[in-house]
Amino acid sequence: MPSLTAELIAEYLGTMVLILFGNGVVAMVSLFGGGVPGEVVKGGYTNITLGWGLGVTMGIYVAGRISGAHLNPAVSITLAAFRGFPWRKVIPYSLAQTAGAFTAAALVFLNYRPAFLKADPLLDHTAGVFTTFPAFPGTVWPGFLDQVIGTALLLLLIFAITDERNQPPAQLAPILVGLVVVAIGISFGGMHGYAINPARDFGPRLFTVLAGFKNNGLTDGTGVFWVPIAGPVLGGLLGGLAYDGLIRRYLAPAGAGKPGPG
């Protein structure tokens, strides 16, 4: 069994890989169009959803065999509530995930710094490359609902994909979970940027504060930072409850065959 230290390193690196691809693709879409900083790449939102989905897949491949590749505090909390993951590990995992996301945001900014400074020299309108904001400023509850629904779908489908009683896909699990994220982005990405992951949002948001981005959602007076934290935690628990209460309870134990009628 790997030590807790090994698990935390795996969560840190797995989340960092996820956010490197995720923030990286948003930077590409936001800062470049035909090589010109500030112009949006054609087909940009499709690029974003694919980039985030592939980032999730690659992050899972990095960390899966050591920590289970939660890469998301909402996943850790839901696994603790429904799958016996130790509650004592939830906070350390969440901190490692947030630190990995913070580091990835810093690396993306370092890589694209000249483009940021050309497109947004005052750093007053590009923090959305790293973190999420409501589609309609001044309203947070539609985005909160969006986060709840999106993360409920995420955990419902993670539970379905990884359930040994259902149809375990073995090596395909990382790819399928990545496709789930693509599907959520395509279907529920508009109202609040489909963070569906508190670490994915808060780690980069902390970086934007320290880097001097003015529209950061944390110190700019808007107070929107809590939406992609509370919404995913609640949504994840609802998704886990839905799967266990409405699907798993009717599945036969692994190796026992299909349950009979009734």
C-alpha atoms as a PDB file:
ATOM      1  CA  MET A   1       0.000   0.000   0.000  1.00  0.00           C
ATOM      2  CA  PRO A   2       1.395   3.430  -0.890  1.00  0.00           C
ATOM      3  CA  SER A   3       1.982   5.827   1.978  1.00  0.00           C
ATOM      4  CA  LEU A   4      -0.163   8.910   2.460  1.00  0.00           C
ATOM      5  CA  THR A   5       2.789  10.972   1.256  1.00  0.00           C
ATOM      6  CA  ALA A   6       2.910   9.004  -1.993  1.00  0.00           C
ATOM      7  CA  GLU A   7      -0.840   9.431  -2.431  1.00  0.00           C
ATOM      8  CA  LEU A   8      -0.609  13.184  -1.898  1.00  0.00           C
ATOM      9  CA  ILE A   9       2.244  13.490  -4.390  1.00  0.00           C
ATOM     10  CA  ALA A  10       0.156  11.543  -6.905  1.00  0.00           C
ATOM     11  CA  GLU A  11      -2.861  13.787  -6.321  1.00  0.00           C
ATOM     12  CA  TYR A  12      -0.678  16.876  -6.644  1.00  0.00           C
ATOM     13  CA  LEU A  13       0.910  15.758  -9.919  1.00  0.00           C
ATOM     14  CA  GLY A  14      -2.295  14.331 -11.378  1.00  0.00           C
ATOM     15  CA  THR A  15      -4.209  17.530 -10.676  1.00  0.00           C
ATOM     16  CA  MET A  16      -1.323  19.599 -12.016  1.00  0.00           C
ATOM     17  CA  VAL A  17      -1.413  17.680 -15.302  1.00  0.00           C
ATOM     18  CA  LEU A  18      -5.186  18.129 -15.491  1.00  0.00           C
ATOM     19  CA  ILE A  19      -4.988  21.893 -14.977  1.00  0.00           C
ATOM     20  CA  LEU A  20      -1.979  22.335 -17.261  1.00  0.00           C
ATOM     21  CA  PHE A  21      -4.036  20.992 -20.146  1.00  0.00           C
ATOM     22  CA  GLY A  22      -7.232  22.702 -19.011  1.00  0.00           C
ATOM     23  CA  ASN A  23      -5.885  26.181 -18.337  1.00  0.00           C
ATOM     24  CA  GLY A  24      -3.518  25.768 -21.273  1.00  0.00           C
ATOM     25  CA  VAL A  25      -6.286  25.191 -23.799  1.00  0.00           C
ATOM     26  CA  VAL A  26      -8.295  28.133 -22.443  1.00  0.00           C
ATOM     27  CA  ALA A  27      -5.197  30.319 -22.790  1.00  0.00           C
ATOM     28  CA  MET A  28      -4.782  29.187 -26.388  1.00  0.00           C
ATOM     29  CA  VAL A  29      -8.406  29.929 -27.204  1.00  0.00           C
ATOM     30  CA  SER A  30      -8.459  33.258 -25.377  1.00  0.00           C
ATOM     31  CA  LEU A  31      -5.088  34.683 -26.361  1.00  0.00           C
ATOM     32  CA  PHE A  32      -4.421  33.416 -29.866  1.00  0.00           C
ATOM     33  CA  GLY A  33      -6.264  33.431 -33.182  1.00  0.00           C
ATOM     34  CA  GLY A  34      -4.104  32.913 -36.202  1.00  0.00           C
ATOM     35  CA  GLY A  35      -1.119  33.715 -34.018  1.00  0.00           C
ATOM     36  CA  VAL A  36      -2.485  37.086 -32.905  1.00  0.00           C
ATOM     37  CA  PRO A  37      -2.840  37.570 -29.122  1.00  0.00           C
ATOM     38  CA  GLY A  38      -6.310  38.645 -28.121  1.00  0.00           C
ATOM     39  CA  GLU A  39      -8.170  36.966 -30.987  1.00  0.00           C
ATOM     40  CA  VAL A  40     -10.305  33.914 -30.257  1.00  0.00           C
ATOM     41  CA  VAL A  41      -9.462  30.664 -32.021  1.00  0.00           C
ATOM     42  CA  LYS A  42     -12.213  29.483 -34.369  1.00  0.00           C
ATOM     43  CA  GLY A  43     -14.072  26.562 -32.815  1.00  0.00           C
ATOM     44  CA  GLY A  44     -12.652  27.589 -29.475  1.00  0.00           C
ATOM     45  CA  TYR A  45     -15.295  26.134 -27.180  1.00  0.00           C
ATOM     46  CA  THR A  46     -14.959  22.725 -28.786  1.00  0.00           C
ATOM     47  CA  ASN A  47     -11.219  22.963 -28.211  1.00  0.00           C
ATOM     48  CA  ILE A  48     -11.855  23.830 -24.562  1.00  0.00           C
ATOM     49  CA  THR A  49     -14.156  20.894 -23.883  1.00  0.00           C
ATOM     50  CA  LEU A  50     -11.783  18.460 -25.592  1.00  0.00           C
ATOM     51  CA  GLY A  51      -8.746  19.901 -23.817  1.00  0.00           C
ATOM     52  CA  TRP A  52     -10.348  19.601 -20.392  1.00  0.00           C
ATOM     53  CA  GLY A  53     -11.566  16.074 -21.087  1.00  0.00           C
ATOM     54  CA  LEU A  54      -8.145  14.935 -22.264  1.00  0.00           C
ATOM     55  CA  GLY A  55      -6.576  16.672 -19.271  1.00  0.00           C
ATOM     56  CA  VAL A  56      -8.772  14.633 -16.933  1.00  0.00           C
ATOM     57  CA  THR A  57      -7.829  11.413 -18.725  1.00  0.00           C
ATOM     58  CA  MET A  58      -4.110  12.150 -18.543  1.00  0.00           C
ATOM     59  CA  GLY A  59      -4.319  13.181 -14.896  1.00  0.00           C
ATOM     60  CA  ILE A  60      -6.032   9.905 -14.046  1.00  0.00           C
ATOM     61  CA  TYR A  61      -3.327   7.938 -15.836  1.00  0.00           C
ATOM     62  CA  VAL A  62      -0.683   9.786 -13.784  1.00  0.00           C
ATOM     63  CA  ALA A  63      -2.223   9.194 -10.353  1.00  0.00           C
ATOM     64  CA  GLY A  64      -4.676   6.329 -10.675  1.00  0.00           C
ATOM     65  CA  ARG A  65      -2.608   3.410  -9.428  1.00  0.00           C
ATOM     66  CA  ILE A  66      -1.326   5.249  -6.356  1.00  0.00           C
ATOM     67  CA  SER A  67      -4.113   7.475  -5.066  1.00  0.00           C
ATOM     68  CA  GLY A  68      -7.123   6.498  -7.135  1.00  0.00           C
ATOM     69  CA  ALA A  69      -6.807   9.807  -9.013  1.00  0.00           C
ATOM     70  CA  HIS A  70      -9.537  11.760  -7.280  1.00  0.00           C
ATOM     71  CA  LEU A  71      -8.083  15.067  -8.574  1.00  0.00           C
ATOM     72  CA  ASN A  72     -11.137  16.801  -7.139  1.00  0.00           C
ATOM     73  CA  PRO A  73     -12.255  17.460  -3.522  1.00  0.00           C
ATOM     74  CA  ALA A  74     -15.857  16.755  -4.525  1.00  0.00           C
ATOM     75  CA  VAL A  75     -14.768  13.276  -5.595  1.00  0.00           C
ATOM     76  CA  SER A  76     -12.820  12.705  -2.356  1.00  0.00           C
ATOM     77  CA  ILE A  77     -15.763  13.834  -0.218  1.00  0.00           C
ATOM     78  CA  THR A  78     -18.263  11.713  -2.134  1.00  0.00           C
ATOM     79  CA  LEU A  79     -16.008   8.640  -1.956  1.00  0.00           C
ATOM     80  CA  ALA A  80     -15.683   9.175   1.789  1.00  0.00           C
ATOM     81  CA  ALA A  81     -19.450   9.386   2.129  1.00  0.00           C
ATOM     82  CA  PHE A  82     -20.301   6.365  -0.030  1.00  0.00           C
ATOM     83  CA  ARG A  83     -17.229   4.216  -0.698  1.00  0.00           C
ATOM     84  CA  GLY A  84     -15.320   4.047   2.577  1.00  0.00           C
ATOM     85  CA  PHE A  85     -12.529   6.443   1.637  1.00  0.00           C
ATOM     86  CA  PRO A  86     -11.041   7.567   4.989  1.00  0.00           C
ATOM     87  CA  TRP A  87     -12.410  10.930   6.084  1.00  0.00           C
ATOM     88  CA  ARG A  88      -9.032  11.737   7.634  1.00  0.00           C
ATOM     89  CA  LYS A  89      -7.561  11.835   4.115  1.00  0.00           C
ATOM     90  CA  VAL A  90     -10.139  14.212   2.640  1.00  0.00           C
ATOM     91  CA  ILE A  91      -8.471  17.451   3.774  1.00  0.00           C
ATOM     92  CA  PRO A  92      -4.906  16.357   2.853  1.00  0.00           C
ATOM     93  CA  TYR A  93      -6.117  15.177  -0.574  1.00  0.00           C
ATOM     94  CA  SER A  94      -8.008  18.435  -1.107  1.00  0.00           C
ATOM     95  CA  LEU A  95      -4.967  20.516  -0.176  1.00  0.00           C
ATOM     96  CA  ALA A  96      -2.722  18.496  -2.508  1.00  0.00           C
ATOM     97  CA  GLN A  97      -5.235  18.873  -5.338  1.00  0.00           C
ATOM     98  CA  THR A  98      -5.512  22.621  -4.766  1.00  0.00           C
ATOM     99  CA  ALA A  99      -1.727  22.979  -4.653  1.00  0.00           C
ATOM    100  CA  GLY A 100      -1.391  21.068  -7.919  1.00  0.00           C
ATOM    101  CA  ALA A 101      -3.970  23.315  -9.555  1.00  0.00           C
ATOM    102  CA  PHE A 102      -2.208  26.434  -8.246  1.00  0.00           C
ATOM    103  CA  THR A 103       1.144  25.251  -9.598  1.00  0.00           C
ATOM    104  CA  ALA A 104      -0.348  24.448 -12.999  1.00  0.00           C
ATOM    105  CA  ALA A 105      -1.932  27.904 -13.261  1.00  0.00           C
ATOM    106  CA  ALA A 106       1.412  29.513 -12.444  1.00  0.00           C
ATOM    107  CA  LEU A 107       3.163  27.465 -15.137  1.00  0.00           C
ATOM    108  CA  VAL A 108       0.511  28.333 -17.741  1.00  0.00           C
ATOM    109  CA  PHE A 109       0.871  32.028 -16.923  1.00  0.00           C
ATOM    110  CA  LEU A 110       4.661  31.791 -17.087  1.00  0.00           C
ATOM    111  CA  ASN A 111       4.435  30.123 -20.475  1.00  0.00           C
ATOM    112  CA  TYR A 112       1.953  32.629 -21.932  1.00  0.00           C
ATOM    113  CA  ARG A 113       3.056  35.730 -20.037  1.00  0.00           C
ATOM    114  CA  PRO A 114       4.018  37.761 -23.137  1.00  0.00           C
ATOM    115  CA  ALA A 115       0.622  37.048 -24.698  1.00  0.00           C
ATOM    116  CA  PHE A 116      -1.191  37.972 -21.484  1.00  0.00           C
ATOM    117  CA  LEU A 117       0.678  41.257 -21.215  1.00  0.00           C
ATOM    118  CA  LYS A 118      -0.096  42.112 -24.848  1.00  0.00           C
ATOM    119  CA  ALA A 119      -3.778  41.175 -24.709  1.00  0.00           C
ATOM    120  CA  ASP A 120      -4.395  42.433 -21.160  1.00  0.00           C
ATOM    121  CA  PRO A 121      -1.545  44.657 -19.949  1.00  0.00           C
ATOM    122  CA  LEU A 122      -3.489  45.733 -16.855  1.00  0.00           C
ATOM    123  CA  LEU A 123      -4.529  42.144 -16.022  1.00  0.00           C
ATOM    124  CA  ASP A 124      -8.087  43.326 -15.520  1.00  0.00           C
ATOM    125  CA  HIS A 125     -10.130  40.996 -17.737  1.00  0.00           C
ATOM    126  CA  THR A 126      -8.352  37.680 -18.400  1.00  0.00           C
ATOM    127  CA  ALA A 127      -8.533  35.867 -15.044  1.00  0.00           C
ATOM    128  CA  GLY A 128     -11.210  33.700 -16.676  1.00  0.00           C
ATOM    129  CA  VAL A 129      -8.400  31.826 -18.418  1.00  0.00           C
ATOM    130  CA  PHE A 130      -7.641  30.276 -15.031  1.00  0.00           C
ATOM    131  CA  THR A 131     -10.883  30.260 -13.075  1.00  0.00           C
ATOM    132  CA  THR A 132     -14.647  30.485 -13.585  1.00  0.00           C
ATOM    133  CA  PHE A 133     -17.206  33.280 -13.393  1.00  0.00           C
ATOM    134  CA  PRO A 134     -20.992  33.554 -13.787  1.00  0.00           C
ATOM    135  CA  ALA A 135     -22.271  34.103 -17.313  1.00  0.00           C
ATOM    136  CA  PHE A 136     -24.522  36.863 -16.007  1.00  0.00           C
ATOM    137  CA  PRO A 137     -22.624  39.085 -13.542  1.00  0.00           C
ATOM    138  CA  GLY A 138     -24.513  39.854 -10.368  1.00  0.00           C
ATOM    139  CA  THR A 139     -26.345  36.520 -10.324  1.00  0.00           C
ATOM    140  CA  VAL A 140     -24.803  33.529  -8.585  1.00  0.00           C
ATOM    141  CA  TRP A 141     -27.672  31.093  -8.033  1.00  0.00           C
ATOM    142  CA  PRO A 142     -28.083  30.021 -11.686  1.00  0.00           C
ATOM    143  CA  GLY A 143     -24.375  29.193 -11.717  1.00  0.00           C
ATOM    144  CA  PHE A 144     -24.677  27.384  -8.399  1.00  0.00           C
ATOM    145  CA  LEU A 145     -27.458  25.191  -9.816  1.00  0.00           C
ATOM    146  CA  ASP A 146     -25.326  24.586 -12.901  1.00  0.00           C
ATOM    147  CA  GLN A 147     -22.441  23.416 -10.717  1.00  0.00           C
ATOM    148  CA  VAL A 148     -24.700  21.137  -8.689  1.00  0.00           C
ATOM    149  CA  ILE A 149     -26.161  19.472 -11.792  1.00  0.00           C
ATOM    150  CA  GLY A 150     -22.810  19.146 -13.561  1.00  0.00           C
ATOM    151  CA  THR A 151     -21.016  17.612 -10.578  1.00  0.00           C
ATOM    152  CA  ALA A 152     -23.946  15.327  -9.799  1.00  0.00           C
ATOM    153  CA  LEU A 153     -23.631  13.968 -13.329  1.00  0.00           C
ATOM    154  CA  LEU A 154     -19.877  13.621 -12.894  1.00  0.00           C
ATOM    155  CA  LEU A 155     -20.091  11.548  -9.703  1.00  0.00           C
ATOM    156  CA  LEU A 156     -23.094   9.552 -10.886  1.00  0.00           C
ATOM    157  CA  LEU A 157     -21.134   8.487 -13.947  1.00  0.00           C
ATOM    158  CA  ILE A 158     -17.831   7.952 -12.130  1.00  0.00           C
ATOM    159  CA  PHE A 159     -19.656   5.588  -9.803  1.00  0.00           C
ATOM    160  CA  ALA A 160     -21.265   3.814 -12.776  1.00  0.00           C
ATOM    161  CA  ILE A 161     -18.010   3.510 -14.714  1.00  0.00           C
ATOM    162  CA  THR A 162     -15.956   2.228 -11.772  1.00  0.00           C
ATOM    163  CA  ASP A 163     -18.578  -0.029 -10.145  1.00  0.00           C
ATOM    164  CA  GLU A 164     -17.338  -3.606 -10.087  1.00  0.00           C
ATOM    165  CA  ARG A 165     -20.972  -4.739  -9.914  1.00  0.00           C
ATOM    166  CA  ASN A 166     -21.889  -2.903 -13.073  1.00  0.00           C
ATOM    167  CA  GLN A 167     -19.692  -3.218 -16.179  1.00  0.00           C
ATOM    168  CA  PRO A 168     -16.131  -2.363 -15.103  1.00  0.00           C
ATOM    169  CA  PRO A 169     -14.229  -1.034 -18.121  1.00  0.00           C
ATOM    170  CA  ALA A 170     -10.739  -1.759 -16.727  1.00  0.00           C
ATOM    171  CA  GLN A 171      -8.174   0.312 -18.652  1.00  0.00           C
ATOM    172  CA  LEU A 172     -10.921   2.348 -20.350  1.00  0.00           C
ATOM    173  CA  ALA A 173     -12.003   4.066 -17.132  1.00  0.00           C
ATOM    174  CA  PRO A 174      -9.730   7.134 -17.522  1.00  0.00           C
ATOM    175  CA  ILE A 175     -10.872   7.639 -21.115  1.00  0.00           C
ATOM    176  CA  LEU A 176     -14.531   7.292 -20.199  1.00  0.00           C
ATOM    177  CA  VAL A 177     -14.274   9.704 -17.269  1.00  0.00           C
ATOM    178  CA  GLY A 178     -12.570  12.185 -19.591  1.00  0.00           C
ATOM    179  CA  LEU A 179     -15.455  11.809 -22.035  1.00  0.00           C
ATOM    180  CA  VAL A 180     -17.890  12.453 -19.196  1.00  0.00           C
ATOM    181  CA  VAL A 181     -16.148  15.790 -18.590  1.00  0.00           C
ATOM    182  CA  VAL A 182     -16.366  16.587 -22.313  1.00  0.00           C
ATOM    183  CA  ALA A 183     -20.088  15.813 -22.250  1.00  0.00           C
ATOM    184  CA  ILE A 184     -20.666  17.977 -19.177  1.00  0.00           C
ATOM    185  CA  GLY A 185     -18.758  20.842 -20.777  1.00  0.00           C
ATOM    186  CA  ILE A 186     -20.765  20.598 -23.982  1.00  0.00           C
ATOM    187  CA  SER A 187     -24.096  20.346 -22.161  1.00  0.00           C
ATOM    188  CA  PHE A 188     -23.638  22.349 -18.935  1.00  0.00           C
ATOM    189  CA  GLY A 189     -20.723  24.676 -19.563  1.00  0.00           C
ATOM    190  CA  GLY A 190     -22.374  28.025 -20.008  1.00  0.00           C
ATOM    191  CA  MET A 191     -23.703  29.323 -16.716  1.00  0.00           C
ATOM    192  CA  HIS A 192     -20.518  29.155 -14.635  1.00  0.00           C
ATOM    193  CA  GLY A 193     -17.755  27.601 -16.697  1.00  0.00           C
ATOM    194  CA  TYR A 194     -18.342  23.994 -15.509  1.00  0.00           C
ATOM    195  CA  ALA A 195     -15.628  23.952 -12.872  1.00  0.00           C
ATOM    196  CA  ILE A 196     -17.276  20.871 -11.249  1.00  0.00           C
ATOM    197  CA  ASN A 197     -14.163  20.745  -9.055  1.00  0.00           C
ATOM    198  CA  PRO A 198     -13.346  23.049  -6.120  1.00  0.00           C
ATOM    199  CA  ALA A 199      -9.569  22.562  -6.455  1.00  0.00           C
ATOM    200  CA  ARG A 200      -9.623  23.150 -10.201  1.00  0.00           C
ATOM    201  CA  ASP A 201     -11.225  26.536  -9.547  1.00  0.00           C
ATOM    202  CA  PHE A 202      -9.853  27.738  -6.215  1.00  0.00           C
ATOM    203  CA  GLY A 203      -6.189  26.851  -6.768  1.00  0.00           C
ATOM    204  CA  PRO A 204      -5.920  28.899  -9.989  1.00  0.00           C
ATOM    205  CA  ARG A 205      -8.067  31.638  -8.436  1.00  0.00           C
ATOM    206  CA  LEU A 206      -5.561  31.989  -5.610  1.00  0.00           C
ATOM    207  CA  PHE A 207      -2.854  32.282  -8.225  1.00  0.00           C
ATOM    208  CA  THR A 208      -4.709  35.076 -10.046  1.00  0.00           C
ATOM    209  CA  VAL A 209      -4.908  37.009  -6.782  1.00  0.00           C
ATOM    210  CA  LEU A 210      -1.175  36.673  -6.121  1.00  0.00           C
ATOM    211  CA  ALA A 211      -0.310  37.419  -9.767  1.00  0.00           C
ATOM    212  CA  GLY A 212      -2.227  40.690  -9.672  1.00  0.00           C
ATOM    213  CA  PHE A 213      -5.285  39.887 -11.789  1.00  0.00           C
ATOM    214  CA  LYS A 214      -7.933  42.412 -10.815  1.00  0.00           C
ATOM    215  CA  ASN A 215     -11.053  40.483 -11.855  1.00  0.00           C
ATOM    216  CA  ASN A 216     -10.315  37.439  -9.710  1.00  0.00           C
ATOM    217  CA  GLY A 217     -13.657  36.771  -7.994  1.00  0.00           C
ATOM    218  CA  LEU A 218     -12.024  36.630  -4.584  1.00  0.00           C
ATOM    219  CA  THR A 219     -10.750  40.112  -3.730  1.00  0.00           C
ATOM    220  CA  ASP A 220     -12.573  42.144  -6.403  1.00  0.00           C
ATOM    221  CA  GLY A 221     -15.792  42.484  -4.405  1.00  0.00           C
ATOM    222  CA  THR A 222     -17.890  40.111  -6.519  1.00  0.00           C
ATOM    223  CA  GLY A 223     -17.579  37.212  -4.061  1.00  0.00           C
ATOM    224  CA  VAL A 224     -18.263  34.526  -6.668  1.00  0.00           C
ATOM    225  CA  PHE A 225     -15.447  32.226  -5.508  1.00  0.00           C
ATOM    226  CA  TRP A 226     -17.732  30.121  -3.294  1.00  0.00           C
ATOM    227  CA  VAL A 227     -20.026  28.960  -6.116  1.00  0.00           C
ATOM    228  CA  PRO A 228     -17.590  26.428  -7.696  1.00  0.00           C
ATOM    229  CA  ILE A 229     -16.701  25.197  -4.211  1.00  0.00           C
ATOM    230  CA  ALA A 230     -20.093  24.652  -2.589  1.00  0.00           C
ATOM    231  CA  GLY A 231     -21.943  23.676  -5.773  1.00  0.00           C
ATOM    232  CA  PRO A 232     -19.640  20.770  -6.704  1.00  0.00           C
ATOM    233  CA  VAL A 233     -19.528  19.416  -3.139  1.00  0.00           C
ATOM    234  CA  LEU A 234     -23.325  19.335  -2.934  1.00  0.00           C
ATOM    235  CA  GLY A 235     -23.672  18.028  -6.476  1.00  0.00           C
ATOM    236  CA  GLY A 236     -21.157  15.261  -5.928  1.00  0.00           C
ATOM    237  CA  LEU A 237     -23.002  14.010  -2.856  1.00  0.00           C
ATOM    238  CA  LEU A 238     -26.311  14.081  -4.726  1.00  0.00           C
ATOM    239  CA  GLY A 239     -24.803  12.176  -7.642  1.00  0.00           C
ATOM    240  CA  GLY A 240     -23.363   9.509  -5.346  1.00  0.00           C
ATOM    241  CA  LEU A 241     -26.655   9.220  -3.499  1.00  0.00           C
ATOM    242  CA  ALA A 242     -28.572   8.868  -6.755  1.00  0.00           C
ATOM    243  CA  TYR A 243     -26.325   6.083  -8.044  1.00  0.00           C
ATOM    244  CA  ASP A 244     -26.234   4.090  -4.832  1.00  0.00           C
ATOM    245  CA  GLY A 245     -29.921   4.575  -4.089  1.00  0.00           C
ATOM    246  CA  LEU A 246     -31.340   4.018  -7.558  1.00  0.00           C
ATOM    247  CA  ILE A 247     -28.840   1.766  -9.374  1.00  0.00           C
ATOM    248  CA  ARG A 248     -26.282   0.023  -7.174  1.00  0.00           C
ATOM    249  CA  ARG A 249     -28.814  -1.305  -4.699  1.00  0.00           C
ATOM    250  CA  TYR A 250     -30.354  -3.386  -7.503  1.00  0.00           C
ATOM    251  CA  LEU A 251     -27.073  -4.820  -8.823  1.00  0.00           C
ATOM    252  CA  ALA A 252     -25.894  -8.251  -7.783  1.00  0.00           C
ATOM    253  CA  PRO A 253     -22.536  -8.493  -6.001  1.00  0.00           C
ATOM    254  CA  ALA A 254     -19.570  -8.881  -8.330  1.00  0.00           C
ATOM    255  CA  GLY A 255     -19.388 -12.411  -9.719  1.00  0.00           C
ATOM    256  CA  ALA A 256     -22.931 -13.335  -8.639  1.00  0.00           C
ATOM    257  CA  GLY A 257     -24.612 -12.886 -12.012  1.00  0.00           C
ATOM    258  CA  LYS A 258     -27.556 -10.690 -12.846  1.00  0.00           C
ATOM    259  CA  PRO A 259     -30.335 -10.212 -10.290  1.00  0.00           C
ATOM    260  CA  GLY A 260     -33.622 -11.889 -11.026  1.00  0.00           C
ATOM    261  CA  PRO A 261     -36.847 -10.044 -11.828  1.00  0.00           C
ATOM    262  CA  GLY A 262     -38.482  -8.157  -8.976  1.00  0.00           C
END
